[in-house]
Amino acid sequence: SFDLTEWPPPGATRVEVADMYDVLAERGYGYGPVFQGLKAAWTAGEDIFAEVELDESVHADAKRFGLHPALLDSTMHALGLQAADLESGTSGDDRPALPFFWEGVRLFASGSTALRVRLTGSGVDTVSLAMADTAGEPVLAVAGLTLRPVSVGQLAGSGVGGGLHEVVWRPLVAAAAAGGA
């Protein structure tokens, strides 16, 4: 159970996030406009609190998901605020880190377009997440999310073809040879 109704959290210190996506880009993360949802953040002890919002252009899509992928991804961008390894979203050797293993995931509500988030370090390279809507009602809880380091080259991909999938037209030689064309 968690309570994110009192917002911002009492005793938390506001952290500037205006340049966060520039900082993340320098670390090798590249986020398009739909994935740039971090709007505000605070810290209190080891906890990071954040407000994230789905880009208005995809608000209608939020109903199609338990939690929109861009909104879920934005919840982890606040990890880049701290200098310490886990909180910075980097491994001990300063490489970027990506989500690797999720455990104890519980979805309480769907269709959210904005969230309040608490991220708490819960082990080496592991963080727990508590997410609520803008009224503080629970949306998602993650008991543990383990991050694993990757190289900047791995984040960039191979660069071949410009994307994961591409449309390529290939002539159908067998049909032409059989006289079917």
N, C-alpha and C. Protein backbone atom coordinates (compact mmCIF):
# COMPACT_ATOMS: atom_id res chain seq x y z
N SER A 1 0.85 -1.18 0.00
CA SER A 1 0.00 0.00 0.00
C SER A 1 0.89 1.23 0.00
N PHE A 2 0.39 2.27 -0.60
CA PHE A 2 1.12 3.53 -0.64
C PHE A 2 0.13 4.68 -0.71
N ASP A 3 0.58 5.85 -0.30
CA ASP A 3 -0.29 7.02 -0.28
C ASP A 3 0.43 8.17 -0.95
N LEU A 4 -0.07 8.60 -2.09
CA LEU A 4 0.49 9.75 -2.79
C LEU A 4 -0.54 10.86 -2.92
N THR A 5 -1.47 10.93 -1.95
CA THR A 5 -2.51 11.96 -2.01
C THR A 5 -1.98 13.34 -1.63
N GLU A 6 -1.06 13.40 -0.69
CA GLU A 6 -0.46 14.70 -0.32
C GLU A 6 0.66 14.99 -1.30
N TRP A 7 0.48 16.06 -2.10
CA TRP A 7 1.41 16.31 -3.20
C TRP A 7 1.66 17.78 -3.35
N PRO A 8 2.88 18.24 -3.53
CA PRO A 8 4.10 17.43 -3.46
C PRO A 8 4.30 16.86 -2.07
N PRO A 9 5.09 15.81 -1.97
CA PRO A 9 5.30 15.14 -0.67
C PRO A 9 5.87 16.10 0.37
N PRO A 10 5.38 16.04 1.61
CA PRO A 10 5.89 16.91 2.67
C PRO A 10 7.38 16.69 2.89
N GLY A 11 8.10 17.77 3.01
CA GLY A 11 9.53 17.69 3.29
C GLY A 11 10.40 17.42 2.08
N ALA A 12 9.81 17.23 0.91
CA ALA A 12 10.59 16.94 -0.30
C ALA A 12 11.15 18.23 -0.88
N THR A 13 12.30 18.12 -1.51
CA THR A 13 12.98 19.26 -2.13
C THR A 13 12.78 19.20 -3.64
N ARG A 14 12.27 20.28 -4.19
CA ARG A 14 12.04 20.35 -5.65
C ARG A 14 13.37 20.31 -6.39
N VAL A 15 13.38 19.58 -7.50
CA VAL A 15 14.56 19.45 -8.36
C VAL A 15 14.19 19.97 -9.74
N GLU A 16 15.06 20.74 -10.34
CA GLU A 16 14.82 21.30 -11.66
C GLU A 16 14.91 20.21 -12.72
N VAL A 17 13.91 20.12 -13.59
CA VAL A 17 13.90 19.10 -14.63
C VAL A 17 13.87 19.68 -16.05
N ALA A 18 13.96 20.99 -16.18
CA ALA A 18 13.83 21.64 -17.49
C ALA A 18 14.83 21.09 -18.52
N ASP A 19 16.05 20.79 -18.09
CA ASP A 19 17.08 20.31 -19.02
C ASP A 19 17.27 18.80 -18.97
N MET A 20 16.35 18.08 -18.33
CA MET A 20 16.53 16.65 -18.10
C MET A 20 16.72 15.87 -19.38
N TYR A 21 15.97 16.18 -20.42
CA TYR A 21 16.09 15.40 -21.65
C TYR A 21 17.37 15.71 -22.41
N ASP A 22 17.94 16.90 -22.22
CA ASP A 22 19.27 17.18 -22.77
C ASP A 22 20.32 16.35 -22.04
N VAL A 23 20.20 16.26 -20.71
CA VAL A 23 21.13 15.46 -19.91
C VAL A 23 21.03 13.99 -20.30
N LEU A 24 19.81 13.49 -20.43
CA LEU A 24 19.63 12.09 -20.82
C LEU A 24 20.17 11.82 -22.22
N ALA A 25 20.02 12.77 -23.14
CA ALA A 25 20.57 12.61 -24.50
C ALA A 25 22.09 12.52 -24.46
N GLU A 26 22.73 13.31 -23.59
CA GLU A 26 24.19 13.24 -23.44
C GLU A 26 24.63 11.88 -22.92
N ARG A 27 23.78 11.22 -22.15
CA ARG A 27 24.08 9.90 -21.61
C ARG A 27 23.77 8.78 -22.61
N GLY A 28 23.18 9.14 -23.76
CA GLY A 28 22.91 8.14 -24.78
C GLY A 28 21.45 7.77 -24.96
N TYR A 29 20.58 8.32 -24.13
CA TYR A 29 19.15 8.05 -24.26
C TYR A 29 18.56 9.04 -25.27
N GLY A 30 17.78 8.56 -26.20
CA GLY A 30 17.11 9.44 -27.17
C GLY A 30 15.61 9.28 -27.06
N TYR A 31 14.91 10.33 -26.64
CA TYR A 31 13.47 10.26 -26.46
C TYR A 31 12.77 11.23 -27.40
N GLY A 32 11.81 10.70 -28.15
CA GLY A 32 10.97 11.55 -29.00
C GLY A 32 9.98 12.31 -28.14
N PRO A 33 9.23 13.23 -28.74
CA PRO A 33 8.34 14.09 -27.98
C PRO A 33 7.28 13.34 -27.16
N VAL A 34 6.76 12.23 -27.64
CA VAL A 34 5.74 11.49 -26.91
C VAL A 34 6.31 10.88 -25.64
N PHE A 35 7.61 10.59 -25.64
CA PHE A 35 8.24 9.94 -24.50
C PHE A 35 8.89 10.94 -23.54
N GLN A 36 8.73 12.24 -23.75
CA GLN A 36 9.31 13.24 -22.87
C GLN A 36 8.26 13.73 -21.87
N GLY A 37 7.87 12.82 -20.96
CA GLY A 37 6.76 13.10 -20.07
C GLY A 37 7.10 13.59 -18.68
N LEU A 38 8.38 13.66 -18.31
CA LEU A 38 8.76 14.12 -16.98
C LEU A 38 8.50 15.62 -16.87
N LYS A 39 7.62 16.02 -15.93
CA LYS A 39 7.23 17.42 -15.80
C LYS A 39 7.76 18.09 -14.55
N ALA A 40 7.89 17.34 -13.45
CA ALA A 40 8.37 17.92 -12.19
C ALA A 40 8.93 16.80 -11.33
N ALA A 41 9.84 17.16 -10.41
CA ALA A 41 10.44 16.14 -9.54
C ALA A 41 10.87 16.74 -8.21
N TRP A 42 10.92 15.86 -7.21
CA TRP A 42 11.35 16.21 -5.86
C TRP A 42 12.16 15.04 -5.30
N THR A 43 12.99 15.31 -4.32
CA THR A 43 13.69 14.25 -3.61
C THR A 43 13.44 14.41 -2.11
N ALA A 44 13.42 13.28 -1.43
CA ALA A 44 13.30 13.26 0.03
C ALA A 44 14.05 12.03 0.49
N GLY A 45 15.22 12.25 1.08
CA GLY A 45 16.05 11.11 1.46
C GLY A 45 16.45 10.33 0.23
N GLU A 46 16.21 9.02 0.25
CA GLU A 46 16.54 8.16 -0.88
C GLU A 46 15.43 8.10 -1.93
N ASP A 47 14.29 8.69 -1.64
CA ASP A 47 13.15 8.64 -2.55
C ASP A 47 13.20 9.75 -3.58
N ILE A 48 12.73 9.43 -4.78
CA ILE A 48 12.54 10.42 -5.83
C ILE A 48 11.05 10.44 -6.13
N PHE A 49 10.47 11.62 -6.19
CA PHE A 49 9.06 11.79 -6.52
C PHE A 49 8.99 12.55 -7.83
N ALA A 50 8.06 12.16 -8.69
CA ALA A 50 7.97 12.81 -9.99
C ALA A 50 6.53 12.93 -10.44
N GLU A 51 6.30 13.92 -11.27
CA GLU A 51 5.04 14.06 -12.00
C GLU A 51 5.36 13.80 -13.46
N VAL A 52 4.62 12.88 -14.05
CA VAL A 52 4.79 12.58 -15.47
C VAL A 52 3.45 12.72 -16.16
N GLU A 53 3.49 13.10 -17.43
CA GLU A 53 2.26 13.30 -18.18
C GLU A 53 2.45 12.81 -19.60
N LEU A 54 1.44 12.16 -20.10
CA LEU A 54 1.44 11.67 -21.47
C LEU A 54 1.25 12.85 -22.41
N ASP A 55 1.99 12.86 -23.51
CA ASP A 55 1.85 13.91 -24.51
C ASP A 55 0.38 14.00 -24.96
N GLU A 56 -0.13 15.20 -25.07
CA GLU A 56 -1.54 15.41 -25.40
C GLU A 56 -1.94 14.73 -26.72
N SER A 57 -1.01 14.60 -27.64
CA SER A 57 -1.32 14.00 -28.94
C SER A 57 -1.71 12.53 -28.84
N VAL A 58 -1.40 11.87 -27.71
CA VAL A 58 -1.74 10.45 -27.56
C VAL A 58 -2.66 10.18 -26.36
N HIS A 59 -3.28 11.23 -25.84
CA HIS A 59 -4.21 11.04 -24.72
C HIS A 59 -5.31 10.04 -25.06
N ALA A 60 -5.85 10.09 -26.28
CA ALA A 60 -6.93 9.18 -26.67
C ALA A 60 -6.45 7.73 -26.65
N ASP A 61 -5.17 7.49 -26.90
CA ASP A 61 -4.62 6.13 -26.91
C ASP A 61 -4.50 5.54 -25.51
N ALA A 62 -4.52 6.36 -24.48
CA ALA A 62 -4.31 5.88 -23.10
C ALA A 62 -5.33 4.82 -22.71
N LYS A 63 -6.55 4.93 -23.22
CA LYS A 63 -7.60 3.96 -22.89
C LYS A 63 -7.30 2.57 -23.42
N ARG A 64 -6.44 2.46 -24.41
CA ARG A 64 -6.13 1.17 -25.03
C ARG A 64 -5.14 0.35 -24.21
N PHE A 65 -4.54 0.93 -23.18
CA PHE A 65 -3.49 0.28 -22.42
C PHE A 65 -3.83 0.24 -20.93
N GLY A 66 -3.31 -0.77 -20.24
CA GLY A 66 -3.35 -0.73 -18.79
C GLY A 66 -2.62 0.53 -18.34
N LEU A 67 -1.42 0.72 -18.88
CA LEU A 67 -0.63 1.93 -18.68
C LEU A 67 0.11 2.20 -19.99
N HIS A 68 -0.13 3.35 -20.58
CA HIS A 68 0.48 3.67 -21.87
C HIS A 68 1.99 3.51 -21.78
N PRO A 69 2.62 2.84 -22.76
CA PRO A 69 4.07 2.61 -22.72
C PRO A 69 4.90 3.89 -22.57
N ALA A 70 4.50 4.96 -23.22
CA ALA A 70 5.26 6.22 -23.10
C ALA A 70 5.15 6.79 -21.69
N LEU A 71 4.00 6.65 -21.08
CA LEU A 71 3.82 7.15 -19.72
C LEU A 71 4.62 6.30 -18.73
N LEU A 72 4.57 4.98 -18.90
CA LEU A 72 5.37 4.09 -18.05
C LEU A 72 6.85 4.40 -18.18
N ASP A 73 7.33 4.57 -19.40
CA ASP A 73 8.75 4.88 -19.62
C ASP A 73 9.13 6.20 -18.95
N SER A 74 8.26 7.19 -19.04
CA SER A 74 8.54 8.50 -18.45
C SER A 74 8.70 8.43 -16.94
N THR A 75 8.06 7.46 -16.28
CA THR A 75 8.17 7.36 -14.83
C THR A 75 9.61 7.10 -14.40
N MET A 76 10.39 6.45 -15.26
CA MET A 76 11.77 6.11 -14.91
C MET A 76 12.78 7.20 -15.26
N HIS A 77 12.37 8.23 -15.98
CA HIS A 77 13.30 9.28 -16.37
C HIS A 77 13.81 10.07 -15.17
N ALA A 78 13.04 10.10 -14.10
CA ALA A 78 13.48 10.81 -12.90
C ALA A 78 14.70 10.17 -12.27
N LEU A 79 14.98 8.91 -12.62
CA LEU A 79 16.19 8.26 -12.09
C LEU A 79 17.45 9.01 -12.52
N GLY A 80 17.37 9.78 -13.58
CA GLY A 80 18.51 10.54 -14.07
C GLY A 80 18.83 11.77 -13.24
N LEU A 81 18.06 12.05 -12.20
CA LEU A 81 18.26 13.26 -11.40
C LEU A 81 19.38 13.16 -10.38
N GLN A 82 19.68 11.98 -9.92
CA GLN A 82 20.65 11.80 -8.85
C GLN A 82 22.03 11.46 -9.40
N ALA A 83 23.06 11.78 -8.66
CA ALA A 83 24.42 11.47 -9.08
C ALA A 83 24.79 10.03 -8.73
N ALA A 84 24.14 9.44 -7.75
CA ALA A 84 24.46 8.06 -7.35
C ALA A 84 24.10 7.10 -8.47
N ASP A 85 24.74 5.94 -8.49
CA ASP A 85 24.60 5.00 -9.59
C ASP A 85 23.16 4.66 -9.94
N LEU A 86 22.40 4.12 -9.00
CA LEU A 86 21.04 3.69 -9.31
C LEU A 86 20.17 4.88 -9.68
N GLU A 87 20.23 5.92 -8.89
CA GLU A 87 19.36 7.05 -9.12
C GLU A 87 19.69 7.79 -10.42
N SER A 88 20.91 7.65 -10.92
CA SER A 88 21.26 8.35 -12.15
C SER A 88 20.84 7.59 -13.37
N GLY A 89 20.36 6.35 -13.20
CA GLY A 89 19.99 5.56 -14.36
C GLY A 89 21.22 5.04 -15.08
N THR A 90 22.37 5.06 -14.41
CA THR A 90 23.59 4.52 -15.00
C THR A 90 24.16 3.47 -14.09
N SER A 91 24.96 2.61 -14.66
CA SER A 91 25.62 1.59 -13.85
C SER A 91 26.85 2.20 -13.20
N GLY A 92 27.55 1.45 -12.38
CA GLY A 92 28.73 1.95 -11.68
C GLY A 92 29.81 2.45 -12.60
N ASP A 93 29.84 1.97 -13.84
CA ASP A 93 30.87 2.44 -14.77
C ASP A 93 30.32 3.54 -15.68
N ASP A 94 29.25 4.19 -15.25
CA ASP A 94 28.65 5.33 -15.92
C ASP A 94 28.02 4.99 -17.27
N ARG A 95 27.69 3.73 -17.51
CA ARG A 95 26.96 3.37 -18.72
C ARG A 95 25.46 3.50 -18.45
N PRO A 96 24.68 3.80 -19.48
CA PRO A 96 23.23 3.84 -19.29
C PRO A 96 22.72 2.48 -18.82
N ALA A 97 21.58 2.50 -18.17
CA ALA A 97 20.96 1.27 -17.71
C ALA A 97 19.52 1.22 -18.19
N LEU A 98 19.06 0.01 -18.50
CA LEU A 98 17.70 -0.18 -18.98
C LEU A 98 16.96 -1.19 -18.10
N PRO A 99 15.63 -1.10 -18.07
CA PRO A 99 14.85 -2.09 -17.31
C PRO A 99 15.15 -3.50 -17.81
N PHE A 100 15.38 -4.42 -16.87
CA PHE A 100 15.73 -5.79 -17.21
C PHE A 100 14.77 -6.80 -16.61
N PHE A 101 14.43 -6.65 -15.34
CA PHE A 101 13.60 -7.64 -14.66
C PHE A 101 12.58 -6.93 -13.78
N TRP A 102 11.31 -7.25 -14.00
CA TRP A 102 10.21 -6.67 -13.24
C TRP A 102 9.66 -7.73 -12.30
N GLU A 103 9.34 -7.35 -11.06
CA GLU A 103 8.69 -8.29 -10.16
C GLU A 103 7.66 -7.57 -9.29
N GLY A 104 6.63 -8.31 -8.91
CA GLY A 104 5.59 -7.75 -8.06
C GLY A 104 4.86 -6.60 -8.70
N VAL A 105 4.46 -6.74 -9.96
CA VAL A 105 3.76 -5.66 -10.66
C VAL A 105 2.25 -5.83 -10.44
N ARG A 106 1.64 -4.75 -9.96
CA ARG A 106 0.20 -4.76 -9.72
C ARG A 106 -0.43 -3.52 -10.34
N LEU A 107 -1.40 -3.76 -11.23
CA LEU A 107 -2.12 -2.67 -11.89
C LEU A 107 -3.46 -2.49 -11.18
N PHE A 108 -3.73 -1.26 -10.72
CA PHE A 108 -4.96 -0.95 -10.00
C PHE A 108 -5.97 -0.20 -10.85
N ALA A 109 -5.50 0.54 -11.85
CA ALA A 109 -6.38 1.36 -12.69
C ALA A 109 -5.75 1.48 -14.07
N SER A 110 -6.55 1.76 -15.08
CA SER A 110 -6.02 1.90 -16.44
C SER A 110 -6.49 3.21 -17.05
N GLY A 111 -5.86 3.58 -18.16
CA GLY A 111 -6.26 4.76 -18.91
C GLY A 111 -5.68 6.07 -18.43
N SER A 112 -4.71 6.06 -17.53
CA SER A 112 -4.15 7.30 -16.99
C SER A 112 -3.40 8.09 -18.05
N THR A 113 -3.48 9.41 -17.95
CA THR A 113 -2.71 10.29 -18.82
C THR A 113 -1.68 11.10 -18.04
N ALA A 114 -1.76 11.05 -16.70
CA ALA A 114 -0.79 11.74 -15.85
C ALA A 114 -0.66 10.95 -14.55
N LEU A 115 0.56 10.97 -13.99
CA LEU A 115 0.83 10.19 -12.79
C LEU A 115 1.69 10.95 -11.80
N ARG A 116 1.53 10.57 -10.54
CA ARG A 116 2.46 10.92 -9.47
C ARG A 116 3.25 9.63 -9.21
N VAL A 117 4.55 9.75 -9.05
CA VAL A 117 5.40 8.56 -8.94
C VAL A 117 6.36 8.69 -7.77
N ARG A 118 6.55 7.59 -7.04
CA ARG A 118 7.61 7.52 -6.03
C ARG A 118 8.54 6.39 -6.45
N LEU A 119 9.83 6.70 -6.56
CA LEU A 119 10.85 5.71 -6.89
C LEU A 119 11.76 5.56 -5.68
N THR A 120 11.95 4.33 -5.25
CA THR A 120 12.76 4.07 -4.07
C THR A 120 13.76 2.98 -4.37
N GLY A 121 15.04 3.24 -4.12
CA GLY A 121 16.05 2.21 -4.27
C GLY A 121 15.76 1.07 -3.32
N SER A 122 15.72 -0.16 -3.84
CA SER A 122 15.40 -1.30 -2.98
C SER A 122 16.45 -2.39 -3.06
N GLY A 123 17.62 -2.08 -3.59
CA GLY A 123 18.70 -3.04 -3.70
C GLY A 123 19.69 -2.55 -4.73
N VAL A 124 20.74 -3.33 -4.94
CA VAL A 124 21.74 -2.96 -5.93
C VAL A 124 21.10 -3.00 -7.31
N ASP A 125 21.10 -1.88 -8.01
CA ASP A 125 20.52 -1.75 -9.35
C ASP A 125 19.04 -2.06 -9.40
N THR A 126 18.32 -1.93 -8.28
CA THR A 126 16.90 -2.23 -8.23
C THR A 126 16.15 -1.06 -7.60
N VAL A 127 14.98 -0.79 -8.12
CA VAL A 127 14.14 0.29 -7.62
C VAL A 127 12.71 -0.22 -7.53
N SER A 128 11.96 0.29 -6.56
CA SER A 128 10.53 0.01 -6.50
C SER A 128 9.80 1.28 -6.94
N LEU A 129 8.62 1.11 -7.50
CA LEU A 129 7.85 2.23 -8.00
C LEU A 129 6.43 2.17 -7.47
N ALA A 130 5.91 3.32 -7.08
CA ALA A 130 4.51 3.47 -6.70
C ALA A 130 3.96 4.59 -7.56
N MET A 131 2.84 4.32 -8.25
CA MET A 131 2.26 5.31 -9.16
C MET A 131 0.81 5.53 -8.80
N ALA A 132 0.41 6.81 -8.82
CA ALA A 132 -0.97 7.18 -8.53
C ALA A 132 -1.43 8.19 -9.57
N ASP A 133 -2.74 8.35 -9.71
CA ASP A 133 -3.26 9.37 -10.61
C ASP A 133 -3.11 10.74 -9.94
N THR A 134 -3.60 11.77 -10.57
CA THR A 134 -3.39 13.13 -10.05
C THR A 134 -4.19 13.41 -8.78
N ALA A 135 -5.11 12.52 -8.41
CA ALA A 135 -5.84 12.66 -7.15
C ALA A 135 -5.20 11.81 -6.05
N GLY A 136 -4.16 11.06 -6.41
CA GLY A 136 -3.47 10.22 -5.43
C GLY A 136 -4.00 8.80 -5.35
N GLU A 137 -4.92 8.42 -6.23
CA GLU A 137 -5.46 7.06 -6.24
C GLU A 137 -4.47 6.11 -6.91
N PRO A 138 -4.21 4.95 -6.32
CA PRO A 138 -3.22 4.01 -6.88
C PRO A 138 -3.52 3.59 -8.32
N VAL A 139 -2.46 3.56 -9.13
CA VAL A 139 -2.55 3.11 -10.53
C VAL A 139 -1.70 1.87 -10.74
N LEU A 140 -0.43 1.89 -10.27
CA LEU A 140 0.48 0.77 -10.50
C LEU A 140 1.49 0.72 -9.38
N ALA A 141 1.86 -0.49 -8.97
CA ALA A 141 2.94 -0.68 -8.01
C ALA A 141 3.89 -1.72 -8.58
N VAL A 142 5.17 -1.47 -8.42
CA VAL A 142 6.21 -2.40 -8.85
C VAL A 142 7.11 -2.64 -7.65
N ALA A 143 7.13 -3.89 -7.16
CA ALA A 143 7.94 -4.21 -5.99
C ALA A 143 9.42 -4.10 -6.30
N GLY A 144 9.83 -4.47 -7.50
CA GLY A 144 11.23 -4.39 -7.86
C GLY A 144 11.42 -4.32 -9.35
N LEU A 145 12.20 -3.35 -9.79
CA LEU A 145 12.61 -3.23 -11.19
C LEU A 145 14.12 -3.22 -11.19
N THR A 146 14.71 -4.26 -11.77
CA THR A 146 16.16 -4.35 -11.84
C THR A 146 16.64 -3.75 -13.16
N LEU A 147 17.64 -2.89 -13.06
CA LEU A 147 18.23 -2.23 -14.23
C LEU A 147 19.54 -2.92 -14.58
N ARG A 148 19.85 -3.00 -15.87
CA ARG A 148 21.11 -3.58 -16.33
C ARG A 148 21.82 -2.58 -17.24
N PRO A 149 23.14 -2.50 -17.12
CA PRO A 149 23.89 -1.55 -17.95
C PRO A 149 23.93 -1.99 -19.42
N VAL A 150 23.95 -0.99 -20.29
CA VAL A 150 24.13 -1.20 -21.72
C VAL A 150 25.12 -0.15 -22.20
N SER A 151 25.71 -0.39 -23.35
CA SER A 151 26.61 0.61 -23.91
C SER A 151 25.80 1.65 -24.69
N VAL A 152 26.39 2.80 -24.91
CA VAL A 152 25.72 3.83 -25.70
C VAL A 152 25.47 3.29 -27.11
N GLY A 153 26.38 2.47 -27.64
CA GLY A 153 26.20 1.86 -28.95
C GLY A 153 24.97 0.95 -28.99
N GLN A 154 24.74 0.21 -27.92
CA GLN A 154 23.56 -0.64 -27.86
C GLN A 154 22.28 0.19 -27.86
N LEU A 155 22.30 1.32 -27.18
CA LEU A 155 21.13 2.20 -27.18
C LEU A 155 20.86 2.75 -28.57
N ALA A 156 21.92 3.06 -29.30
CA ALA A 156 21.77 3.63 -30.63
C ALA A 156 21.33 2.60 -31.65
N GLY A 157 21.52 1.32 -31.38
CA GLY A 157 21.16 0.27 -32.34
C GLY A 157 22.26 0.12 -33.37
N SER A 158 22.01 -0.69 -34.33
CA SER A 158 23.03 -0.97 -35.34
C SER A 158 23.16 0.13 -36.36
N GLY A 159 22.11 0.95 -36.50
CA GLY A 159 22.15 2.01 -37.49
C GLY A 159 21.82 1.51 -38.89
N VAL A 160 21.66 0.21 -39.08
CA VAL A 160 21.34 -0.35 -40.38
C VAL A 160 19.86 -0.17 -40.65
N GLY A 161 19.52 0.43 -41.76
CA GLY A 161 18.13 0.57 -42.14
C GLY A 161 17.36 1.65 -41.39
N GLY A 162 17.95 2.25 -40.39
CA GLY A 162 17.33 3.35 -39.68
C GLY A 162 16.22 2.96 -38.71
N GLY A 163 15.95 1.68 -38.54
CA GLY A 163 14.91 1.31 -37.59
C GLY A 163 14.88 -0.19 -37.36
N LEU A 164 14.05 -0.57 -36.42
CA LEU A 164 13.93 -1.98 -36.08
C LEU A 164 13.28 -2.77 -37.21
N HIS A 165 12.27 -2.19 -37.83
CA HIS A 165 11.56 -2.83 -38.93
C HIS A 165 11.58 -1.91 -40.14
N GLU A 166 11.60 -2.49 -41.31
CA GLU A 166 11.52 -1.68 -42.51
C GLU A 166 10.78 -2.45 -43.59
N VAL A 167 10.17 -1.73 -44.51
CA VAL A 167 9.48 -2.34 -45.64
C VAL A 167 10.47 -2.44 -46.78
N VAL A 168 10.64 -3.64 -47.29
CA VAL A 168 11.56 -3.86 -48.41
C VAL A 168 10.80 -4.64 -49.48
N TRP A 169 10.79 -4.10 -50.70
CA TRP A 169 10.15 -4.78 -51.82
C TRP A 169 11.17 -5.69 -52.49
N ARG A 170 10.80 -6.93 -52.62
CA ARG A 170 11.67 -7.89 -53.29
C ARG A 170 10.89 -8.52 -54.44
N PRO A 171 11.51 -8.64 -55.61
CA PRO A 171 10.80 -9.25 -56.74
C PRO A 171 10.55 -10.74 -56.46
N LEU A 172 9.42 -11.22 -56.88
CA LEU A 172 9.08 -12.62 -56.71
C LEU A 172 9.54 -13.35 -57.96
N VAL A 173 10.75 -13.83 -57.92
CA VAL A 173 11.40 -14.47 -59.05
C VAL A 173 10.70 -15.78 -59.44
N ALA A 174 10.29 -16.56 -58.48
CA ALA A 174 9.68 -17.86 -58.77
C ALA A 174 8.39 -17.70 -59.56
N ALA A 175 7.56 -16.72 -59.26
CA ALA A 175 6.31 -16.53 -59.97
C ALA A 175 6.55 -16.11 -61.41
N ALA A 176 7.51 -15.22 -61.64
CA ALA A 176 7.84 -14.77 -62.99
C ALA A 176 8.39 -15.92 -63.83
N ALA A 177 9.23 -16.77 -63.26
CA ALA A 177 9.82 -17.90 -63.98
C ALA A 177 8.77 -18.95 -64.35
N ALA A 178 7.75 -19.09 -63.54
CA ALA A 178 6.69 -20.08 -63.79
C ALA A 178 5.65 -19.55 -64.76
N GLY A 179 5.78 -18.31 -65.20
CA GLY A 179 4.84 -17.74 -66.13
C GLY A 179 3.58 -17.22 -65.47
N GLY A 180 3.61 -17.08 -64.17
CA GLY A 180 2.44 -16.63 -63.44
C GLY A 180 2.34 -15.13 -63.35
N ALA A 181 3.32 -14.39 -63.82
CA ALA A 181 3.28 -12.95 -63.64
C ALA A 181 2.66 -12.27 -64.79
